[in-house]
Amino acid sequence: MIQQERRISIHQGSKEEATVLKMLLESFSIQVFEDASLMSVLNPWGVLVGDINAIKLKVAEEDYEKAKAIIDNYNSGEYDI
């Protein structure tokens, strides 16, 4: 049986911000997965459109703490990008 790696959401936001954060995390050798399923939701009376550019970034469970620290440092201005 193949064991599936558990992924945890680390960021949710615009495509532009997600791209910057993905490149930053990957520069620290953290594999990042994109989930764009937030674009719309089907319901019985039509389609509810969410944030059209919303992207959710996910990382492996074992990388979560390191990735969170990197994003916190980025948000505090530690990295000059």
N, C-alpha and C. Protein backbone atom coordinates (compact mmCIF):
# COMPACT_ATOMS: atom_id res chain seq x y z
N MET A 1 0.84 -1.19 0.00
CA MET A 1 0.00 0.00 0.00
C MET A 1 0.88 1.25 0.00
N ILE A 2 0.53 2.23 -0.81
CA ILE A 2 1.28 3.47 -0.89
C ILE A 2 0.80 4.41 0.21
N GLN A 3 1.74 4.90 0.99
CA GLN A 3 1.40 5.83 2.06
C GLN A 3 1.37 7.25 1.50
N GLN A 4 0.26 7.94 1.72
CA GLN A 4 0.11 9.30 1.19
C GLN A 4 0.65 10.31 2.21
N GLU A 5 1.41 11.25 1.70
CA GLU A 5 2.00 12.29 2.54
C GLU A 5 0.91 13.30 2.92
N ARG A 6 0.85 13.65 4.20
CA ARG A 6 -0.14 14.62 4.66
C ARG A 6 0.38 16.03 4.37
N ARG A 7 -0.50 16.85 3.80
CA ARG A 7 -0.14 18.24 3.46
C ARG A 7 -0.98 19.20 4.28
N ILE A 8 -0.35 20.27 4.73
CA ILE A 8 -1.01 21.25 5.57
C ILE A 8 -0.99 22.60 4.87
N SER A 9 -2.12 23.31 4.94
CA SER A 9 -2.22 24.63 4.33
C SER A 9 -1.35 25.62 5.11
N ILE A 10 -0.54 26.38 4.37
CA ILE A 10 0.38 27.33 4.99
C ILE A 10 0.04 28.77 4.62
N HIS A 11 -0.68 28.96 3.51
CA HIS A 11 -1.00 30.32 3.05
C HIS A 11 -2.21 30.28 2.12
N GLN A 12 -3.01 31.33 2.18
CA GLN A 12 -4.13 31.48 1.26
C GLN A 12 -4.20 32.94 0.86
N GLY A 13 -4.17 33.21 -0.44
CA GLY A 13 -4.21 34.59 -0.88
C GLY A 13 -4.14 34.71 -2.39
N SER A 14 -3.72 35.87 -2.84
CA SER A 14 -3.68 36.15 -4.27
C SER A 14 -2.63 35.31 -4.98
N LYS A 15 -2.81 35.17 -6.27
CA LYS A 15 -1.87 34.40 -7.10
C LYS A 15 -0.47 35.02 -7.04
N GLU A 16 -0.40 36.34 -7.06
CA GLU A 16 0.90 37.02 -7.07
C GLU A 16 1.65 36.75 -5.76
N GLU A 17 0.98 36.92 -4.63
CA GLU A 17 1.62 36.70 -3.34
C GLU A 17 1.99 35.22 -3.17
N ALA A 18 1.12 34.33 -3.62
CA ALA A 18 1.40 32.90 -3.52
C ALA A 18 2.63 32.53 -4.34
N THR A 19 2.80 33.15 -5.50
CA THR A 19 3.96 32.86 -6.34
C THR A 19 5.25 33.27 -5.65
N VAL A 20 5.25 34.44 -5.02
CA VAL A 20 6.44 34.92 -4.30
C VAL A 20 6.76 33.98 -3.15
N LEU A 21 5.75 33.62 -2.37
CA LEU A 21 5.97 32.75 -1.21
C LEU A 21 6.40 31.35 -1.64
N LYS A 22 5.84 30.85 -2.72
CA LYS A 22 6.23 29.53 -3.22
C LYS A 22 7.71 29.52 -3.61
N MET A 23 8.14 30.54 -4.34
CA MET A 23 9.55 30.62 -4.74
C MET A 23 10.46 30.76 -3.51
N LEU A 24 10.03 31.55 -2.52
CA LEU A 24 10.81 31.71 -1.31
C LEU A 24 10.96 30.39 -0.57
N LEU A 25 9.85 29.67 -0.37
CA LEU A 25 9.91 28.39 0.33
C LEU A 25 10.74 27.37 -0.43
N GLU A 26 10.60 27.34 -1.75
CA GLU A 26 11.38 26.40 -2.55
C GLU A 26 12.87 26.73 -2.50
N SER A 27 13.22 28.00 -2.28
CA SER A 27 14.64 28.35 -2.16
C SER A 27 15.24 27.78 -0.87
N PHE A 28 14.38 27.41 0.08
CA PHE A 28 14.80 26.76 1.32
C PHE A 28 14.58 25.24 1.23
N SER A 29 14.42 24.72 0.02
CA SER A 29 14.22 23.29 -0.25
C SER A 29 12.95 22.73 0.37
N ILE A 30 11.90 23.53 0.41
CA ILE A 30 10.60 23.06 0.89
C ILE A 30 9.69 22.91 -0.33
N GLN A 31 9.18 21.70 -0.53
CA GLN A 31 8.29 21.46 -1.65
C GLN A 31 6.92 22.06 -1.32
N VAL A 32 6.37 22.82 -2.27
CA VAL A 32 5.11 23.53 -2.08
C VAL A 32 4.10 23.05 -3.11
N PHE A 33 2.88 22.85 -2.67
CA PHE A 33 1.79 22.40 -3.54
C PHE A 33 0.75 23.50 -3.61
N GLU A 34 0.22 23.75 -4.81
CA GLU A 34 -0.82 24.76 -5.00
C GLU A 34 -2.19 24.10 -5.08
N ASP A 35 -3.16 24.73 -4.45
CA ASP A 35 -4.55 24.27 -4.53
C ASP A 35 -5.39 25.47 -4.93
N ALA A 36 -5.91 25.46 -6.16
CA ALA A 36 -6.70 26.58 -6.65
C ALA A 36 -8.19 26.28 -6.59
N SER A 37 -8.60 25.38 -5.72
CA SER A 37 -10.01 24.97 -5.65
C SER A 37 -10.90 26.03 -5.02
N LEU A 38 -10.34 27.14 -4.59
CA LEU A 38 -11.11 28.18 -3.94
C LEU A 38 -11.81 29.11 -4.94
N MET A 39 -11.66 28.85 -6.23
CA MET A 39 -12.16 29.77 -7.24
C MET A 39 -13.67 29.89 -7.25
N SER A 40 -14.40 28.80 -7.08
CA SER A 40 -15.85 28.89 -7.08
C SER A 40 -16.45 27.68 -6.38
N VAL A 41 -17.71 27.82 -6.00
CA VAL A 41 -18.42 26.75 -5.31
C VAL A 41 -19.75 26.54 -6.03
N LEU A 42 -20.06 25.29 -6.34
CA LEU A 42 -21.34 24.98 -6.96
C LEU A 42 -22.39 24.79 -5.87
N ASN A 43 -23.56 25.32 -6.09
CA ASN A 43 -24.67 25.09 -5.18
C ASN A 43 -25.94 24.91 -6.01
N PRO A 44 -27.06 24.51 -5.41
CA PRO A 44 -28.27 24.21 -6.19
C PRO A 44 -28.81 25.37 -7.03
N TRP A 45 -28.54 26.60 -6.67
CA TRP A 45 -29.12 27.73 -7.41
C TRP A 45 -28.10 28.49 -8.25
N GLY A 46 -26.89 27.97 -8.40
CA GLY A 46 -25.92 28.63 -9.26
C GLY A 46 -24.50 28.44 -8.76
N VAL A 47 -23.63 29.28 -9.22
CA VAL A 47 -22.23 29.22 -8.85
C VAL A 47 -21.89 30.44 -8.01
N LEU A 48 -21.31 30.19 -6.84
CA LEU A 48 -20.83 31.29 -6.01
C LEU A 48 -19.37 31.52 -6.34
N VAL A 49 -19.05 32.69 -6.80
CA VAL A 49 -17.67 32.99 -7.18
C VAL A 49 -16.97 33.58 -5.98
N GLY A 50 -15.87 32.94 -5.61
CA GLY A 50 -15.05 33.45 -4.51
C GLY A 50 -14.00 34.38 -5.05
N ASP A 51 -12.88 34.42 -4.40
CA ASP A 51 -11.75 35.22 -4.88
C ASP A 51 -11.20 34.52 -6.10
N ILE A 52 -11.38 35.09 -7.27
CA ILE A 52 -11.02 34.43 -8.52
C ILE A 52 -9.53 34.10 -8.57
N ASN A 53 -8.71 34.90 -7.93
CA ASN A 53 -7.28 34.65 -7.95
C ASN A 53 -6.79 33.93 -6.70
N ALA A 54 -7.69 33.40 -5.86
CA ALA A 54 -7.29 32.79 -4.60
C ALA A 54 -6.52 31.49 -4.84
N ILE A 55 -5.41 31.39 -4.15
CA ILE A 55 -4.56 30.20 -4.21
C ILE A 55 -4.25 29.79 -2.77
N LYS A 56 -4.30 28.50 -2.52
CA LYS A 56 -3.91 27.97 -1.21
C LYS A 56 -2.61 27.21 -1.40
N LEU A 57 -1.60 27.53 -0.61
CA LEU A 57 -0.33 26.82 -0.64
C LEU A 57 -0.31 25.79 0.48
N LYS A 58 0.19 24.60 0.17
CA LYS A 58 0.29 23.53 1.15
C LYS A 58 1.71 22.98 1.16
N VAL A 59 2.14 22.53 2.34
CA VAL A 59 3.45 21.91 2.48
C VAL A 59 3.27 20.58 3.21
N ALA A 60 4.28 19.73 3.11
CA ALA A 60 4.26 18.47 3.83
C ALA A 60 4.24 18.75 5.34
N GLU A 61 3.60 17.86 6.06
CA GLU A 61 3.45 18.04 7.50
C GLU A 61 4.79 18.26 8.20
N GLU A 62 5.81 17.53 7.78
CA GLU A 62 7.12 17.66 8.44
C GLU A 62 7.82 18.99 8.11
N ASP A 63 7.40 19.69 7.07
CA ASP A 63 7.98 20.98 6.70
C ASP A 63 7.20 22.17 7.24
N TYR A 64 6.06 21.92 7.88
CA TYR A 64 5.15 23.00 8.27
C TYR A 64 5.81 24.03 9.18
N GLU A 65 6.47 23.62 10.24
CA GLU A 65 7.06 24.57 11.20
C GLU A 65 8.13 25.43 10.55
N LYS A 66 8.99 24.81 9.74
CA LYS A 66 10.04 25.56 9.05
C LYS A 66 9.42 26.56 8.06
N ALA A 67 8.39 26.11 7.31
CA ALA A 67 7.73 26.98 6.33
C ALA A 67 7.02 28.15 7.02
N LYS A 68 6.37 27.87 8.14
CA LYS A 68 5.67 28.92 8.88
C LYS A 68 6.66 29.97 9.37
N ALA A 69 7.81 29.55 9.87
CA ALA A 69 8.82 30.48 10.35
C ALA A 69 9.34 31.34 9.19
N ILE A 70 9.54 30.76 8.03
CA ILE A 70 10.02 31.50 6.85
C ILE A 70 8.98 32.54 6.43
N ILE A 71 7.71 32.16 6.38
CA ILE A 71 6.66 33.10 6.00
C ILE A 71 6.51 34.20 7.04
N ASP A 72 6.62 33.86 8.32
CA ASP A 72 6.56 34.88 9.38
C ASP A 72 7.71 35.88 9.23
N ASN A 73 8.91 35.37 8.93
CA ASN A 73 10.06 36.25 8.72
C ASN A 73 9.85 37.14 7.49
N TYR A 74 9.27 36.60 6.44
CA TYR A 74 8.97 37.37 5.23
C TYR A 74 7.98 38.49 5.55
N ASN A 75 6.92 38.15 6.29
CA ASN A 75 5.90 39.14 6.64
C ASN A 75 6.43 40.23 7.56
N SER A 76 7.46 39.91 8.35
CA SER A 76 8.03 40.92 9.25
C SER A 76 9.08 41.78 8.55
N GLY A 77 9.35 41.48 7.27
CA GLY A 77 10.29 42.30 6.50
C GLY A 77 11.74 41.84 6.57
N GLU A 78 11.97 40.64 7.09
CA GLU A 78 13.34 40.15 7.22
C GLU A 78 14.00 39.89 5.86
N TYR A 79 13.21 39.49 4.88
CA TYR A 79 13.75 39.21 3.55
C TYR A 79 13.48 40.39 2.64
N ASP A 80 14.48 40.78 1.86
CA ASP A 80 14.36 41.89 0.94
C ASP A 80 14.15 41.32 -0.47
N ILE A 81 12.90 41.17 -0.84
CA ILE A 81 12.58 40.55 -2.15
C ILE A 81 12.06 41.62 -3.09
